[in-house]
Amino acid sequence: MQWDDLKFLLAVYRAKTLKAAGGLLKVYQATVGRRLQALEKDLGSQLLEKTPAGYVLTTTGEAVRPIAEEIEARVMRLEREIAGRDERVEGTLKIAAPGSL
């Protein structure tokens, strides 16, 4: 299983359609469908069911959702923690100025 596929599951859960989920993720609708199929194949279980109102989670999908959301939150936390670390200016700064300052 590729943990990255979990974001596709969450996007479809939140957006209700493959097209809208693709818009959220900035990928094609077909990509969303393929990634979901791969995730379901890897897990050996159907996670979403298509209804007239859009996609809804199956019982197994409901069990996976909180774990996927926890992974998403941890990845976002990691991104915040490391953002800009290599670009931070650190060290001692020495300024030459006349004594009257």
Protein backbone atom coordinates (compact mmCIF):
# COMPACT_ATOMS: atom_id res chain seq x y z
CA MET A 1 0.00 0.00 0.00
CA GLN A 2 1.16 3.51 -0.78
CA TRP A 3 0.20 5.74 2.14
CA ASP A 4 -0.05 8.63 -0.33
CA ASP A 5 -3.19 6.98 -1.76
CA LEU A 6 -4.98 7.78 1.49
CA LYS A 7 -5.17 11.45 0.52
CA PHE A 8 -7.21 10.40 -2.53
CA LEU A 9 -9.62 8.52 -0.30
CA LEU A 10 -10.03 11.58 1.95
CA ALA A 11 -10.49 13.91 -1.02
CA VAL A 12 -13.29 11.79 -2.49
CA TYR A 13 -14.89 11.42 0.94
CA ARG A 14 -14.88 15.20 1.36
CA ALA A 15 -15.75 16.19 -2.22
CA LYS A 16 -18.21 13.35 -2.98
CA THR A 17 -17.15 13.06 -6.65
CA LEU A 18 -13.98 12.01 -8.46
CA LYS A 19 -13.99 15.22 -10.49
CA ALA A 20 -14.27 17.48 -7.45
CA ALA A 21 -11.62 15.44 -5.62
CA GLY A 22 -9.34 15.82 -8.64
CA GLY A 23 -9.87 19.57 -8.46
CA LEU A 24 -8.86 19.59 -4.79
CA LEU A 25 -5.75 17.56 -5.51
CA LYS A 26 -4.98 19.26 -8.85
CA VAL A 27 -5.01 15.97 -10.76
CA TYR A 28 -7.27 14.45 -13.38
CA GLN A 29 -10.44 12.63 -12.39
CA ALA A 30 -9.04 9.43 -13.95
CA THR A 31 -5.99 9.67 -11.69
CA VAL A 32 -8.22 9.82 -8.63
CA GLY A 33 -10.10 6.74 -9.80
CA ARG A 34 -6.91 4.78 -10.49
CA ARG A 35 -5.38 5.65 -7.13
CA LEU A 36 -8.55 4.62 -5.30
CA GLN A 37 -8.68 1.34 -7.20
CA ALA A 38 -5.05 0.68 -6.28
CA LEU A 39 -5.73 1.42 -2.62
CA GLU A 40 -8.77 -0.85 -2.53
CA LYS A 41 -6.82 -3.61 -4.28
CA ASP A 42 -3.90 -3.29 -1.87
CA LEU A 43 -6.21 -3.38 1.16
CA GLY A 44 -8.41 -6.07 -0.34
CA SER A 45 -11.59 -4.20 0.51
CA GLN A 46 -14.00 -1.72 -1.01
CA LEU A 47 -13.69 1.66 0.72
CA LEU A 48 -16.18 3.77 -1.23
CA GLU A 49 -19.58 3.17 -2.73
CA LYS A 50 -21.08 5.27 -5.51
CA THR A 51 -24.57 6.58 -4.78
CA PRO A 52 -26.81 9.10 -6.60
CA ALA A 53 -25.63 11.72 -4.08
CA GLY A 54 -21.95 10.93 -4.72
CA TYR A 55 -19.40 8.63 -3.16
CA VAL A 56 -19.85 7.51 0.44
CA LEU A 57 -17.57 5.46 2.65
CA THR A 58 -18.32 1.80 3.21
CA THR A 59 -18.07 0.36 6.72
CA THR A 60 -14.43 -0.46 6.02
CA GLY A 61 -13.89 3.02 4.61
CA GLU A 62 -15.30 4.48 7.83
CA ALA A 63 -12.77 2.43 9.79
CA VAL A 64 -9.91 3.64 7.59
CA ARG A 65 -10.95 7.33 7.60
CA PRO A 66 -9.77 8.35 11.10
CA ILE A 67 -6.43 6.65 10.54
CA ALA A 68 -6.05 8.41 7.17
CA GLU A 69 -6.94 11.74 8.80
CA GLU A 70 -4.34 11.15 11.51
CA ILE A 71 -1.69 10.43 8.88
CA GLU A 72 -2.74 13.56 6.99
CA ALA A 73 -2.44 15.67 10.15
CA ARG A 74 0.99 14.27 10.93
CA VAL A 75 2.26 14.92 7.41
CA MET A 76 0.96 18.49 7.59
CA ARG A 77 2.66 18.92 10.96
CA LEU A 78 5.92 17.62 9.51
CA GLU A 79 5.67 20.06 6.61
CA ARG A 80 5.11 22.97 9.04
CA GLU A 81 8.02 21.86 11.24
CA ILE A 82 10.56 21.70 8.42
CA ALA A 83 9.29 24.56 6.26
CA GLY A 84 12.04 27.09 5.78
CA ARG A 85 14.56 25.44 8.10
CA ASP A 86 17.28 25.46 5.46
CA GLU A 87 16.55 29.10 4.66
CA ARG A 88 16.67 30.48 8.19
CA VAL A 89 19.38 32.97 8.96
CA GLU A 90 21.22 31.99 12.11
CA GLY A 91 24.40 33.12 13.81
CA THR A 92 25.99 36.22 15.22
CA LEU A 93 25.58 39.52 13.45
CA LYS A 94 28.26 42.15 13.91
CA ILE A 95 27.60 45.77 13.02
CA ALA A 96 30.27 48.43 12.70
CA ALA A 97 29.00 51.83 13.86
CA PRO A 98 30.53 55.01 15.21
CA GLY A 99 30.98 55.13 19.01
CA SER A 100 28.36 57.89 19.41
CA LEU A 101 25.64 55.39 18.56
